[in-house]
Structures are given as C-alpha cells and as structure tokens.
C-alpha cells in the first residue's frame, strides 16, 4: 500500500466504525468544556465526568467559579489528581475570563493558551469541539496510534500533530481526532492489546511494531 492508500484506508475504516462521534467529556458550553478538558490532564474522562457535575452544580460559569476559593475547588476535584494546580488554574482562568473577555471563552488558540493551566492540547480541544475550528489535538491514544500506523516517528506530540495535519485533510481533523481516540481505546490500547481486533494496525501497521508484537506473543 502507498502512503495515500494507507491514509484513505484509515479514514474510511474510522468513518465506518464511528459515523456518529460522541465527545468524550460531558459539557454544555465552551466554559464547561474548557474546565473539563483542563481537569482531564493525567486523568481519565470517566473520572472527570463523575466529578464535573459536582463542581458545575456549585459553579458552571466564571462568575460563580470565582466566588469559590481555590481550596473549595480543590476539595471537589481532588479525585481527578493534580488538584492543587488544577484548582488554581480554574480559579485563575475564570478571573481572567471575567476581567479580559466579559466572562466569555475566546475562540482564538493563542488567547486560550495564555490562560493559566491551559496548554496547547487543551486549547486545541476547546476550539475544535466547542467552536468547530479545525484543530488536531494529540493525546496519548493519537500519539500511540499514528506511530503504530507509521504516520509519524512518534518522537513527541508536537511532531505527531505536525505530521497529522500534513497527512490528513483539514476539513476532517475535528472528527478524525475523536475517531482515533475512540479507536485507540476500543481496538488499539497500550495495555492488553489484541492485534487480531485492531484491523487498522494489522493492515497498515509499522513493520517494527508488528514484529515486536509477534515476538512478544511467542515468548508468552
């Protein structure tokens, strides 16, 4: 298969598997999405979705959030991990949204990246999922899969994002990054990986990845 054929195969397989694409984090507007994505760093979406309703019951907008102390926020979000940094970030960005943006989450990537505790990936998720602006946020699933599929050398997420944007059509970035996340969780996880169920890697996977998989299987 040529690189172009591999890309076409990947896109068509993902579209067949995920014609409707759910957004992993529960939210109702750009602000609640921003908070949920910030909380998901080094945590699972399942855990975040259990905690955000508790936080949003007290504050689901920046004006109510700044009425809580950093300590109160931290107490609620403790189960998601890294709570001191996240609580400070949530309180701090809520204050900036009020002071600089009239309480509205900006659509511009560079303005989002200036907010406390908001990195490039978080900002990219918000502009793509809240505003429909093409972006390609790279999480651990996408990083792992694009390496397994031979679409990037996998040295770091910055390089993986550049490669993804270069290879895939801009108009499908927003759907595709979510499709790859769901596919990674269901068919191509880091642990307990069964290549027989992973049709994309089995068909177009990087030779070294496939060889390593079969070697490990033999030694089990």
N, C-alpha and C. Protein backbone atom coordinates (compact mmCIF):
# COMPACT_ATOMS: atom_id res chain seq x y z
N UNK A 1 0.83 -1.21 0.00
CA UNK A 1 0.00 0.00 0.00
C UNK A 1 0.86 1.26 0.00
N UNK A 2 0.49 2.23 -0.80
CA UNK A 2 1.18 3.52 -0.77
C UNK A 2 0.72 4.30 0.47
N UNK A 3 1.45 5.37 0.80
CA UNK A 3 1.07 6.21 1.95
C UNK A 3 -0.36 6.75 1.75
N UNK A 4 -0.66 7.19 0.52
CA UNK A 4 -2.00 7.74 0.23
C UNK A 4 -3.09 6.68 0.43
N UNK A 5 -2.80 5.44 0.03
CA UNK A 5 -3.77 4.35 0.20
C UNK A 5 -3.97 4.01 1.68
N UNK A 6 -2.87 4.06 2.43
CA UNK A 6 -2.96 3.80 3.88
C UNK A 6 -3.82 4.86 4.57
N UNK A 7 -3.63 6.11 4.16
CA UNK A 7 -4.41 7.21 4.74
C UNK A 7 -5.90 7.03 4.39
N UNK A 8 -6.17 6.72 3.13
CA UNK A 8 -7.56 6.52 2.68
C UNK A 8 -8.21 5.35 3.42
N UNK A 9 -7.45 4.27 3.61
CA UNK A 9 -7.96 3.09 4.33
C UNK A 9 -8.29 3.45 5.79
N UNK A 10 -7.39 4.20 6.42
CA UNK A 10 -7.59 4.61 7.82
C UNK A 10 -8.84 5.46 7.96
N UNK A 11 -8.98 6.46 7.09
CA UNK A 11 -10.13 7.37 7.16
C UNK A 11 -11.44 6.60 6.94
N UNK A 12 -11.47 5.74 5.91
CA UNK A 12 -12.73 5.02 5.61
C UNK A 12 -13.08 4.03 6.72
N UNK A 13 -12.07 3.36 7.29
CA UNK A 13 -12.34 2.42 8.40
C UNK A 13 -12.91 3.15 9.60
N UNK A 14 -12.31 4.27 9.96
CA UNK A 14 -12.79 5.05 11.12
C UNK A 14 -14.18 5.61 10.88
N UNK A 15 -14.46 6.02 9.65
CA UNK A 15 -15.80 6.56 9.35
C UNK A 15 -16.87 5.46 9.43
N UNK A 16 -16.49 4.25 9.03
CA UNK A 16 -17.45 3.13 9.13
C UNK A 16 -17.71 2.78 10.60
N UNK A 17 -16.64 2.78 11.39
CA UNK A 17 -16.78 2.41 12.81
C UNK A 17 -17.47 3.50 13.64
N UNK A 18 -17.20 4.75 13.30
CA UNK A 18 -17.72 5.87 14.11
C UNK A 18 -18.40 6.92 13.22
N UNK A 19 -19.53 6.56 12.62
CA UNK A 19 -20.24 7.56 11.80
C UNK A 19 -20.78 8.70 12.67
N UNK A 20 -21.19 8.34 13.89
CA UNK A 20 -21.60 9.36 14.88
C UNK A 20 -20.50 9.39 15.94
N UNK A 21 -20.00 10.58 16.23
CA UNK A 21 -18.84 10.63 17.12
C UNK A 21 -19.18 11.36 18.42
N UNK A 22 -19.29 10.63 19.52
CA UNK A 22 -19.57 11.31 20.79
C UNK A 22 -18.33 12.05 21.29
N UNK A 23 -18.55 13.19 21.93
CA UNK A 23 -17.44 13.92 22.57
C UNK A 23 -17.21 13.28 23.94
N UNK A 24 -15.97 12.89 24.25
CA UNK A 24 -15.73 12.10 25.47
C UNK A 24 -16.06 12.80 26.78
N UNK A 25 -15.91 14.14 26.83
CA UNK A 25 -16.13 14.86 28.09
C UNK A 25 -17.50 15.55 28.09
N UNK A 26 -18.26 15.32 29.16
CA UNK A 26 -19.59 15.93 29.27
C UNK A 26 -19.45 17.44 29.53
N UNK A 27 -20.21 18.22 28.77
CA UNK A 27 -20.18 19.67 28.94
C UNK A 27 -21.41 20.26 28.28
N UNK A 28 -21.69 21.53 28.57
CA UNK A 28 -22.88 22.15 27.95
C UNK A 28 -22.55 23.42 27.18
N UNK A 29 -21.32 23.91 27.34
CA UNK A 29 -20.92 25.14 26.63
C UNK A 29 -19.39 25.24 26.63
N UNK A 30 -18.82 26.24 25.95
CA UNK A 30 -17.35 26.33 25.89
C UNK A 30 -16.67 26.41 27.26
N UNK A 31 -17.29 27.11 28.20
CA UNK A 31 -16.66 27.24 29.53
C UNK A 31 -16.57 25.88 30.24
N UNK A 32 -17.69 25.15 30.27
CA UNK A 32 -17.67 23.86 30.97
C UNK A 32 -16.76 22.85 30.25
N UNK A 33 -16.66 22.97 28.92
CA UNK A 33 -15.72 22.11 28.19
C UNK A 33 -14.29 22.46 28.57
N UNK A 34 -13.98 23.73 28.61
CA UNK A 34 -12.62 24.17 28.97
C UNK A 34 -12.22 23.62 30.34
N UNK A 35 -13.12 23.72 31.30
CA UNK A 35 -12.84 23.23 32.66
C UNK A 35 -12.66 21.71 32.65
N UNK A 36 -13.54 21.01 31.93
CA UNK A 36 -13.46 19.54 31.87
C UNK A 36 -12.16 19.08 31.22
N UNK A 37 -11.75 19.74 30.13
CA UNK A 37 -10.51 19.34 29.44
C UNK A 37 -9.30 19.61 30.33
N UNK A 38 -9.31 20.76 31.00
CA UNK A 38 -8.22 21.08 31.94
C UNK A 38 -8.12 19.99 33.02
N UNK A 39 -9.27 19.57 33.53
CA UNK A 39 -9.28 18.55 34.59
C UNK A 39 -8.84 17.17 34.10
N UNK A 40 -8.95 16.94 32.79
CA UNK A 40 -8.65 15.59 32.26
C UNK A 40 -7.16 15.30 32.13
N UNK A 41 -6.30 16.31 32.33
CA UNK A 41 -4.85 16.08 32.23
C UNK A 41 -4.42 15.01 33.22
N UNK A 42 -3.77 13.97 32.72
CA UNK A 42 -3.29 12.84 33.53
C UNK A 42 -4.40 12.22 34.39
N UNK A 43 -5.61 12.22 33.82
CA UNK A 43 -6.74 11.55 34.47
C UNK A 43 -7.56 10.90 33.36
N UNK A 44 -8.61 10.19 33.72
CA UNK A 44 -9.44 9.57 32.68
C UNK A 44 -10.71 10.40 32.49
N UNK A 45 -11.26 10.32 31.28
CA UNK A 45 -12.51 11.04 31.00
C UNK A 45 -13.64 10.54 31.89
N UNK A 46 -13.63 9.24 32.16
CA UNK A 46 -14.69 8.64 33.01
C UNK A 46 -14.67 9.28 34.40
N UNK A 47 -13.47 9.41 34.94
CA UNK A 47 -13.35 10.02 36.28
C UNK A 47 -13.77 11.49 36.25
N UNK A 48 -13.31 12.21 35.22
CA UNK A 48 -13.65 13.63 35.10
C UNK A 48 -15.17 13.80 34.99
N UNK A 49 -15.82 12.95 34.19
CA UNK A 49 -17.29 13.04 34.02
C UNK A 49 -18.05 12.75 35.31
N UNK A 50 -17.39 12.08 36.28
CA UNK A 50 -18.05 11.85 37.58
C UNK A 50 -17.92 13.08 38.48
N UNK A 51 -16.83 13.82 38.29
CA UNK A 51 -16.55 14.95 39.19
C UNK A 51 -17.12 16.28 38.69
N UNK A 52 -17.12 16.48 37.36
CA UNK A 52 -17.60 17.79 36.85
C UNK A 52 -19.03 18.13 37.29
N UNK A 53 -19.98 17.16 37.34
CA UNK A 53 -21.33 17.55 37.80
C UNK A 53 -21.32 18.13 39.21
N UNK A 54 -20.43 17.63 40.07
CA UNK A 54 -20.34 18.14 41.44
C UNK A 54 -19.83 19.58 41.45
N UNK A 55 -18.81 19.83 40.61
CA UNK A 55 -18.26 21.18 40.52
C UNK A 55 -19.25 22.14 39.85
N UNK A 56 -19.85 21.68 38.74
CA UNK A 56 -20.75 22.57 37.99
C UNK A 56 -22.07 22.83 38.72
N UNK A 57 -22.41 21.97 39.68
CA UNK A 57 -23.61 22.23 40.49
C UNK A 57 -23.39 23.49 41.34
N UNK A 58 -22.13 23.73 41.71
CA UNK A 58 -21.80 24.93 42.50
C UNK A 58 -21.42 26.11 41.61
N UNK A 59 -20.75 25.79 40.47
CA UNK A 59 -20.30 26.88 39.59
C UNK A 59 -20.10 26.36 38.18
N UNK A 60 -20.96 26.78 37.26
CA UNK A 60 -20.82 26.35 35.86
C UNK A 60 -20.54 27.54 34.94
N UNK A 61 -20.06 28.62 35.55
CA UNK A 61 -19.69 29.82 34.78
C UNK A 61 -18.61 30.55 35.58
N UNK A 62 -17.82 31.41 34.91
CA UNK A 62 -16.70 32.04 35.61
C UNK A 62 -17.12 32.92 36.78
N UNK A 63 -18.30 33.56 36.69
CA UNK A 63 -18.73 34.47 37.76
C UNK A 63 -18.99 33.72 39.06
N UNK A 64 -19.61 32.53 38.95
CA UNK A 64 -19.84 31.72 40.16
C UNK A 64 -18.54 31.05 40.62
N UNK A 65 -17.67 30.69 39.64
CA UNK A 65 -16.44 29.98 40.00
C UNK A 65 -15.53 30.84 40.87
N UNK A 66 -15.44 32.14 40.55
CA UNK A 66 -14.53 32.99 41.36
C UNK A 66 -15.08 33.26 42.76
N UNK A 67 -16.36 32.94 42.97
CA UNK A 67 -16.92 33.08 44.34
C UNK A 67 -16.42 31.96 45.25
N UNK A 68 -16.01 30.84 44.62
CA UNK A 68 -15.42 29.75 45.40
C UNK A 68 -13.95 30.06 45.64
N UNK A 69 -13.42 29.56 46.75
CA UNK A 69 -11.97 29.72 46.97
C UNK A 69 -11.24 28.61 46.21
N UNK A 70 -9.95 28.80 46.01
CA UNK A 70 -9.13 27.76 45.35
C UNK A 70 -9.24 26.46 46.16
N UNK A 71 -9.24 26.60 47.47
CA UNK A 71 -9.31 25.42 48.36
C UNK A 71 -10.64 24.67 48.18
N UNK A 72 -11.73 25.43 48.03
CA UNK A 72 -13.05 24.79 47.84
C UNK A 72 -13.10 24.03 46.50
N UNK A 73 -12.53 24.65 45.48
CA UNK A 73 -12.48 23.97 44.17
C UNK A 73 -11.64 22.70 44.29
N UNK A 74 -10.51 22.84 44.95
CA UNK A 74 -9.60 21.70 45.09
C UNK A 74 -10.27 20.52 45.81
N UNK A 75 -11.02 20.83 46.83
CA UNK A 75 -11.71 19.79 47.61
C UNK A 75 -12.66 18.98 46.73
N UNK A 76 -13.35 19.67 45.82
CA UNK A 76 -14.31 18.98 44.93
C UNK A 76 -13.60 18.14 43.88
N UNK A 77 -12.52 18.68 43.31
CA UNK A 77 -11.88 18.00 42.16
C UNK A 77 -10.74 17.06 42.55
N UNK A 78 -10.50 16.88 43.85
CA UNK A 78 -9.39 16.05 44.34
C UNK A 78 -9.27 14.69 43.64
N UNK A 79 -10.40 13.97 43.42
CA UNK A 79 -10.27 12.63 42.83
C UNK A 79 -9.65 12.58 41.43
N UNK A 80 -9.62 13.72 40.70
CA UNK A 80 -9.05 13.66 39.35
C UNK A 80 -7.52 13.79 39.34
N UNK A 81 -6.92 14.08 40.51
CA UNK A 81 -5.46 14.19 40.56
C UNK A 81 -4.97 15.57 40.16
N UNK A 82 -3.73 15.88 40.59
CA UNK A 82 -3.11 17.20 40.33
C UNK A 82 -4.03 18.35 40.75
N UNK A 83 -4.82 18.10 41.81
CA UNK A 83 -5.85 19.08 42.18
C UNK A 83 -5.33 20.45 42.61
N UNK A 84 -4.16 20.56 43.26
CA UNK A 84 -3.71 21.91 43.64
C UNK A 84 -3.49 22.80 42.41
N UNK A 85 -2.80 22.25 41.41
CA UNK A 85 -2.50 23.02 40.19
C UNK A 85 -3.78 23.29 39.39
N UNK A 86 -4.64 22.29 39.29
CA UNK A 86 -5.88 22.45 38.51
C UNK A 86 -6.84 23.44 39.17
N UNK A 87 -6.96 23.37 40.49
CA UNK A 87 -7.87 24.29 41.21
C UNK A 87 -7.41 25.74 41.05
N UNK A 88 -6.09 25.93 41.16
CA UNK A 88 -5.53 27.27 40.98
C UNK A 88 -5.77 27.76 39.56
N UNK A 89 -5.59 26.86 38.58
CA UNK A 89 -5.81 27.20 37.18
C UNK A 89 -7.26 27.55 36.89
N UNK A 90 -8.18 26.77 37.41
CA UNK A 90 -9.62 27.00 37.19
C UNK A 90 -10.04 28.36 37.76
N UNK A 91 -9.58 28.63 38.98
CA UNK A 91 -9.93 29.91 39.62
C UNK A 91 -9.29 31.07 38.85
N UNK A 92 -8.02 30.90 38.51
CA UNK A 92 -7.27 31.96 37.83
C UNK A 92 -7.81 32.27 36.44
N UNK A 93 -8.12 31.23 35.67
CA UNK A 93 -8.62 31.48 34.30
C UNK A 93 -10.03 32.08 34.34
N UNK A 94 -10.81 31.70 35.35
CA UNK A 94 -12.17 32.26 35.48
C UNK A 94 -12.10 33.77 35.74
N UNK A 95 -11.13 34.16 36.58
CA UNK A 95 -10.94 35.59 36.87
C UNK A 95 -10.51 36.34 35.60
N UNK A 96 -9.61 35.75 34.82
CA UNK A 96 -9.13 36.40 33.58
C UNK A 96 -10.27 36.50 32.56
N UNK A 97 -11.09 35.44 32.46
CA UNK A 97 -12.23 35.48 31.51
C UNK A 97 -13.17 36.64 31.85
N UNK A 98 -13.38 36.87 33.14
CA UNK A 98 -14.26 37.97 33.56
C UNK A 98 -13.59 39.32 33.25
N UNK A 99 -12.33 39.45 33.65
CA UNK A 99 -11.63 40.75 33.52
C UNK A 99 -11.32 41.12 32.07
N UNK A 100 -10.97 40.11 31.26
CA UNK A 100 -10.49 40.40 29.90
C UNK A 100 -11.52 40.13 28.80
N UNK A 101 -12.41 39.16 29.05
CA UNK A 101 -13.29 38.70 27.96
C UNK A 101 -14.78 38.74 28.31
N UNK A 102 -15.15 39.52 29.31
CA UNK A 102 -16.57 39.62 29.74
C UNK A 102 -17.18 38.26 30.06
N UNK A 103 -16.36 37.37 30.60
CA UNK A 103 -16.86 36.05 31.01
C UNK A 103 -17.03 35.06 29.88
N UNK A 104 -16.60 35.44 28.67
CA UNK A 104 -16.79 34.55 27.51
C UNK A 104 -15.46 33.90 27.14
N UNK A 105 -15.50 32.61 26.82
CA UNK A 105 -14.30 31.88 26.40
C UNK A 105 -13.92 32.33 24.99
N UNK A 106 -12.68 32.80 24.80
CA UNK A 106 -12.28 33.24 23.45
C UNK A 106 -12.14 32.07 22.48
N UNK A 107 -12.33 32.35 21.19
CA UNK A 107 -12.22 31.30 20.15
C UNK A 107 -10.79 31.15 19.63
N UNK A 108 -9.95 32.11 19.96
CA UNK A 108 -8.60 32.12 19.39
C UNK A 108 -7.65 31.24 20.20
N UNK A 109 -6.93 30.38 19.51
CA UNK A 109 -6.00 29.45 20.15
C UNK A 109 -4.98 30.18 21.03
N UNK A 110 -4.40 31.27 20.48
CA UNK A 110 -3.34 31.96 21.23
C UNK A 110 -3.85 32.61 22.51
N UNK A 111 -5.11 33.08 22.52
CA UNK A 111 -5.68 33.66 23.75
C UNK A 111 -5.97 32.56 24.77
N UNK A 112 -6.44 31.44 24.31
CA UNK A 112 -6.70 30.32 25.22
C UNK A 112 -5.41 29.82 25.86
N UNK A 113 -4.35 29.76 25.05
CA UNK A 113 -3.06 29.26 25.56
C UNK A 113 -2.45 30.18 26.61
N UNK A 114 -2.90 31.43 26.65
CA UNK A 114 -2.39 32.37 27.67
C UNK A 114 -3.04 32.15 29.04
N UNK A 115 -4.15 31.42 29.07
CA UNK A 115 -4.86 31.21 30.35
C UNK A 115 -4.08 30.25 31.24
N UNK A 116 -4.16 30.43 32.57
CA UNK A 116 -3.44 29.54 33.49
C UNK A 116 -3.88 28.09 33.33
N UNK A 117 -2.90 27.18 33.36
CA UNK A 117 -3.14 25.72 33.30
C UNK A 117 -3.74 25.25 31.97
N UNK A 118 -3.75 26.13 30.96
CA UNK A 118 -4.27 25.73 29.65
C UNK A 118 -3.10 25.62 28.67
N UNK A 119 -2.79 24.40 28.26
CA UNK A 119 -1.71 24.20 27.30
C UNK A 119 -2.25 24.13 25.88
N UNK A 120 -1.37 23.82 24.96
CA UNK A 120 -1.74 23.77 23.55
C UNK A 120 -2.81 22.71 23.27
N UNK A 121 -2.67 21.55 23.92
CA UNK A 121 -3.64 20.47 23.66
C UNK A 121 -5.03 20.87 24.15
N UNK A 122 -5.11 21.38 25.37
CA UNK A 122 -6.40 21.81 25.93
C UNK A 122 -7.05 22.87 25.04
N UNK A 123 -6.26 23.86 24.64
CA UNK A 123 -6.77 24.94 23.79
C UNK A 123 -7.26 24.39 22.44
N UNK A 124 -6.53 23.42 21.89
CA UNK A 124 -6.91 22.82 20.61
C UNK A 124 -8.23 22.05 20.72
N UNK A 125 -8.40 21.33 21.83
CA UNK A 125 -9.66 20.59 22.05
C UNK A 125 -10.84 21.57 22.12
N UNK A 126 -10.64 22.67 22.83
CA UNK A 126 -11.73 23.64 23.00
C UNK A 126 -12.12 24.28 21.67
N UNK A 127 -11.12 24.70 20.87
CA UNK A 127 -11.50 25.37 19.61
C UNK A 127 -12.15 24.39 18.64
N UNK A 128 -11.73 23.12 18.69
CA UNK A 128 -12.32 22.14 17.75
C UNK A 128 -13.70 21.69 18.21
N UNK A 129 -13.84 21.35 19.50
CA UNK A 129 -15.10 20.76 19.97
C UNK A 129 -16.16 21.80 20.38
N UNK A 130 -15.71 22.97 20.81
CA UNK A 130 -16.69 23.99 21.22
C UNK A 130 -17.04 24.93 20.07
N UNK A 131 -16.07 25.18 19.19
CA UNK A 131 -16.29 26.19 18.15
C UNK A 131 -16.21 25.65 16.72
N UNK A 132 -15.87 24.37 16.57
CA UNK A 132 -15.82 23.77 15.23
C UNK A 132 -14.68 24.29 14.37
N UNK A 133 -13.66 24.87 15.00
CA UNK A 133 -12.49 25.36 14.24
C UNK A 133 -11.52 24.20 14.06
N UNK A 134 -11.06 23.93 12.84
CA UNK A 134 -10.18 22.78 12.63
C UNK A 134 -8.92 22.81 13.50
N UNK A 135 -8.71 21.72 14.23
CA UNK A 135 -7.51 21.55 15.07
C UNK A 135 -7.25 20.06 15.18
N UNK A 136 -6.06 19.69 15.60
CA UNK A 136 -5.76 18.26 15.73
C UNK A 136 -5.06 18.02 17.07
N UNK A 137 -5.82 18.08 18.18
CA UNK A 137 -5.21 17.85 19.49
C UNK A 137 -4.67 16.43 19.57
N UNK A 138 -3.44 16.29 20.02
CA UNK A 138 -2.83 14.95 20.11
C UNK A 138 -2.77 14.52 21.56
N UNK A 139 -3.52 13.46 21.89
CA UNK A 139 -3.43 12.87 23.23
C UNK A 139 -2.60 11.59 23.12
N UNK A 140 -2.52 10.84 24.23
CA UNK A 140 -1.67 9.63 24.23
C UNK A 140 -2.16 8.59 23.22
N UNK A 141 -3.49 8.48 23.03
CA UNK A 141 -4.02 7.50 22.07
C UNK A 141 -3.59 7.84 20.65
N UNK A 142 -3.76 9.10 20.28
CA UNK A 142 -3.41 9.53 18.92
C UNK A 142 -1.90 9.39 18.70
N UNK A 143 -1.14 9.78 19.69
CA UNK A 143 0.33 9.68 19.61
C UNK A 143 0.74 8.22 19.37
N UNK A 144 0.15 7.32 20.15
CA UNK A 144 0.47 5.89 20.03
C UNK A 144 0.05 5.32 18.68
N UNK A 145 -1.19 5.66 18.26
CA UNK A 145 -1.72 5.06 17.03
C UNK A 145 -1.03 5.58 15.77
N UNK A 146 -0.77 6.88 15.70
CA UNK A 146 -0.12 7.39 14.49
C UNK A 146 1.29 6.81 14.36
N UNK A 147 1.92 6.48 15.50
CA UNK A 147 3.22 5.79 15.44
C UNK A 147 3.02 4.35 14.97
N UNK A 148 2.07 3.66 15.56
CA UNK A 148 1.80 2.26 15.16
C UNK A 148 1.47 2.15 13.68
N UNK A 149 0.77 3.16 13.17
CA UNK A 149 0.35 3.13 11.77
C UNK A 149 1.42 3.65 10.81
N UNK A 150 2.56 4.10 11.35
CA UNK A 150 3.66 4.55 10.51
C UNK A 150 3.45 5.94 9.93
N UNK A 151 2.56 6.75 10.55
CA UNK A 151 2.30 8.09 10.04
C UNK A 151 3.17 9.16 10.71
N UNK A 152 3.91 8.77 11.75
CA UNK A 152 4.81 9.70 12.44
C UNK A 152 5.92 8.88 13.07
N UNK A 153 7.05 9.54 13.36
CA UNK A 153 8.13 8.81 14.04
C UNK A 153 7.89 8.73 15.55
N UNK A 154 6.86 9.44 16.01
CA UNK A 154 6.44 9.31 17.41
C UNK A 154 7.40 9.86 18.44
N UNK A 155 8.34 10.74 18.01
CA UNK A 155 9.32 11.25 18.99
C UNK A 155 8.67 12.13 20.05
N UNK A 156 7.70 12.95 19.66
CA UNK A 156 6.97 13.78 20.64
C UNK A 156 5.63 14.21 20.04
N UNK A 157 4.74 14.70 20.92
CA UNK A 157 3.38 15.04 20.46
C UNK A 157 3.37 16.22 19.50
N UNK A 158 4.36 17.11 19.63
CA UNK A 158 4.44 18.26 18.72
C UNK A 158 4.66 17.77 17.29
N UNK A 159 5.60 16.83 17.13
CA UNK A 159 5.89 16.28 15.81
C UNK A 159 4.69 15.48 15.29
N UNK A 160 4.05 14.73 16.18
CA UNK A 160 2.89 13.92 15.78
C UNK A 160 1.77 14.82 15.26
N UNK A 161 1.54 15.94 15.94
CA UNK A 161 0.49 16.88 15.50
C UNK A 161 0.83 17.45 14.12
N UNK A 162 2.09 17.84 13.93
CA UNK A 162 2.52 18.38 12.62
C UNK A 162 2.29 17.35 11.51
N UNK A 163 2.70 16.11 11.79
CA UNK A 163 2.55 15.04 10.78
C UNK A 163 1.08 14.79 10.46
N UNK A 164 0.24 14.75 11.50
CA UNK A 164 -1.20 14.50 11.31
C UNK A 164 -1.82 15.60 10.44
N UNK A 165 -1.47 16.84 10.74
CA UNK A 165 -2.04 17.98 9.98
C UNK A 165 -1.56 17.97 8.52
N UNK A 166 -0.35 17.45 8.33
CA UNK A 166 0.21 17.40 6.97
C UNK A 166 -0.45 16.28 6.15
N UNK A 167 -0.77 15.17 6.82
CA UNK A 167 -1.26 13.97 6.11
C UNK A 167 -2.76 13.96 5.86
N UNK A 168 -3.53 14.48 6.82
CA UNK A 168 -4.99 14.36 6.74
C UNK A 168 -5.64 15.67 6.30
N UNK A 169 -6.73 15.59 5.51
CA UNK A 169 -7.41 16.81 5.05
C UNK A 169 -7.95 17.64 6.23
N UNK A 170 -7.73 18.95 6.15
CA UNK A 170 -8.11 19.87 7.23
C UNK A 170 -9.59 19.77 7.61
N UNK A 171 -10.45 19.55 6.62
CA UNK A 171 -11.89 19.55 6.90
C UNK A 171 -12.35 18.35 7.74
N UNK A 172 -11.50 17.33 7.88
CA UNK A 172 -11.91 16.19 8.72
C UNK A 172 -11.13 16.10 10.03
N UNK A 173 -10.23 17.06 10.29
CA UNK A 173 -9.43 16.99 11.52
C UNK A 173 -10.27 16.80 12.77
N UNK A 174 -11.32 17.61 12.92
CA UNK A 174 -12.09 17.59 14.17
C UNK A 174 -12.76 16.24 14.43
N UNK A 175 -13.34 15.66 13.37
CA UNK A 175 -13.94 14.33 13.51
C UNK A 175 -12.86 13.27 13.71
N UNK A 176 -11.82 13.37 12.90
CA UNK A 176 -10.79 12.33 12.88
C UNK A 176 -10.08 12.19 14.22
N UNK A 177 -9.75 13.30 14.86
CA UNK A 177 -9.01 13.16 16.12
C UNK A 177 -9.87 12.45 17.17
N UNK A 178 -11.18 12.69 17.16
CA UNK A 178 -12.07 11.97 18.09
C UNK A 178 -12.22 10.50 17.70
N UNK A 179 -12.33 10.24 16.40
CA UNK A 179 -12.44 8.84 15.93
C UNK A 179 -11.21 8.03 16.33
N UNK A 180 -10.03 8.64 16.20
CA UNK A 180 -8.80 7.93 16.57
C UNK A 180 -8.76 7.67 18.07
N UNK A 181 -9.22 8.64 18.88
CA UNK A 181 -9.25 8.43 20.34
C UNK A 181 -10.13 7.23 20.69
N UNK A 182 -11.35 7.20 20.12
CA UNK A 182 -12.26 6.09 20.41
C UNK A 182 -11.68 4.76 19.91
N UNK A 183 -11.09 4.79 18.72
CA UNK A 183 -10.49 3.57 18.17
C UNK A 183 -9.35 3.07 19.07
N UNK A 184 -8.52 4.00 19.52
CA UNK A 184 -7.40 3.63 20.40
C UNK A 184 -7.87 2.97 21.68
N UNK A 185 -8.94 3.49 22.25
CA UNK A 185 -9.48 2.91 23.49
C UNK A 185 -10.07 1.52 23.25
N UNK A 186 -10.79 1.38 22.15
CA UNK A 186 -11.53 0.13 21.92
C UNK A 186 -10.71 -0.97 21.25
N UNK A 187 -9.84 -0.59 20.31
CA UNK A 187 -9.17 -1.61 19.49
C UNK A 187 -7.66 -1.63 19.57
N UNK A 188 -7.05 -0.53 20.02
CA UNK A 188 -5.59 -0.47 19.98
C UNK A 188 -5.03 0.17 21.25
N UNK A 189 -5.36 -0.42 22.42
CA UNK A 189 -4.91 0.18 23.67
C UNK A 189 -3.41 -0.05 23.91
N UNK A 190 -2.86 0.66 24.87
CA UNK A 190 -1.44 0.48 25.22
C UNK A 190 -1.25 -0.86 25.92
N UNK A 191 -2.21 -1.23 26.78
CA UNK A 191 -2.11 -2.50 27.52
C UNK A 191 -3.24 -3.44 27.08
N UNK A 192 -2.95 -4.73 27.11
CA UNK A 192 -3.97 -5.71 26.74
C UNK A 192 -4.36 -5.61 25.28
N UNK A 193 -3.40 -5.30 24.45
CA UNK A 193 -3.64 -5.07 23.03
C UNK A 193 -3.76 -6.39 22.27
N UNK A 194 -4.84 -6.56 21.55
CA UNK A 194 -5.06 -7.75 20.72
C UNK A 194 -5.05 -7.32 19.25
N UNK A 195 -3.97 -7.63 18.57
CA UNK A 195 -3.80 -7.18 17.18
C UNK A 195 -4.88 -7.72 16.25
N UNK A 196 -5.41 -8.91 16.59
CA UNK A 196 -6.45 -9.51 15.73
C UNK A 196 -7.70 -8.62 15.65
N UNK A 197 -7.97 -7.87 16.72
CA UNK A 197 -9.14 -6.98 16.73
C UNK A 197 -8.81 -5.60 16.15
N UNK A 198 -7.52 -5.32 16.01
CA UNK A 198 -7.06 -4.00 15.59
C UNK A 198 -6.82 -4.00 14.07
N UNK A 199 -7.91 -3.87 13.32
CA UNK A 199 -7.87 -4.02 11.86
C UNK A 199 -6.94 -3.02 11.18
N UNK A 200 -6.88 -1.79 11.69
CA UNK A 200 -6.05 -0.78 11.02
C UNK A 200 -4.56 -1.12 11.18
N UNK A 201 -4.13 -1.37 12.42
CA UNK A 201 -2.71 -1.68 12.64
C UNK A 201 -2.34 -2.99 11.94
N UNK A 202 -3.24 -3.96 12.01
CA UNK A 202 -2.97 -5.25 11.36
C UNK A 202 -2.76 -5.08 9.85
N UNK A 203 -3.51 -4.15 9.25
CA UNK A 203 -3.46 -3.96 7.79
C UNK A 203 -2.32 -3.06 7.35
N UNK A 204 -2.09 -1.95 8.09
CA UNK A 204 -1.10 -0.97 7.59
C UNK A 204 0.02 -0.70 8.59
N UNK A 205 0.05 -1.45 9.71
CA UNK A 205 0.97 -1.12 10.81
C UNK A 205 2.44 -1.10 10.43
N UNK A 206 3.18 -0.29 11.17
CA UNK A 206 4.63 -0.20 11.02
C UNK A 206 5.25 -1.59 11.23
N UNK A 207 6.14 -1.98 10.35
CA UNK A 207 6.71 -3.35 10.40
C UNK A 207 7.35 -3.67 11.76
N UNK A 208 8.12 -2.72 12.30
CA UNK A 208 8.80 -2.98 13.58
C UNK A 208 7.79 -3.20 14.71
N UNK A 209 6.68 -2.48 14.66
CA UNK A 209 5.63 -2.62 15.69
C UNK A 209 4.99 -4.00 15.59
N UNK A 210 4.68 -4.43 14.37
CA UNK A 210 4.07 -5.75 14.16
C UNK A 210 5.04 -6.86 14.56
N UNK A 211 6.31 -6.72 14.17
CA UNK A 211 7.31 -7.74 14.52
C UNK A 211 7.48 -7.86 16.02
N UNK A 212 7.53 -6.70 16.72
CA UNK A 212 7.65 -6.71 18.19
C UNK A 212 6.46 -7.41 18.83
N UNK A 213 5.27 -7.11 18.29
CA UNK A 213 4.04 -7.71 18.83
C UNK A 213 4.12 -9.24 18.72
N UNK A 214 4.47 -9.74 17.55
CA UNK A 214 4.51 -11.20 17.34
C UNK A 214 5.62 -11.87 18.16
N UNK A 215 6.74 -11.17 18.30
CA UNK A 215 7.85 -11.72 19.14
C UNK A 215 7.40 -11.89 20.58
N UNK A 216 6.75 -10.81 21.10
CA UNK A 216 6.27 -10.88 22.49
C UNK A 216 5.23 -11.97 22.67
N UNK A 217 4.38 -12.14 21.66
CA UNK A 217 3.34 -13.15 21.74
C UNK A 217 3.94 -14.55 21.83
N UNK A 218 5.03 -14.77 21.07
CA UNK A 218 5.69 -16.09 21.08
C UNK A 218 6.30 -16.40 22.43
N UNK A 219 6.84 -15.39 23.09
CA UNK A 219 7.52 -15.62 24.37
C UNK A 219 6.55 -15.75 25.55
N UNK A 220 5.27 -15.46 25.31
CA UNK A 220 4.29 -15.55 26.40
C UNK A 220 3.97 -16.99 26.72
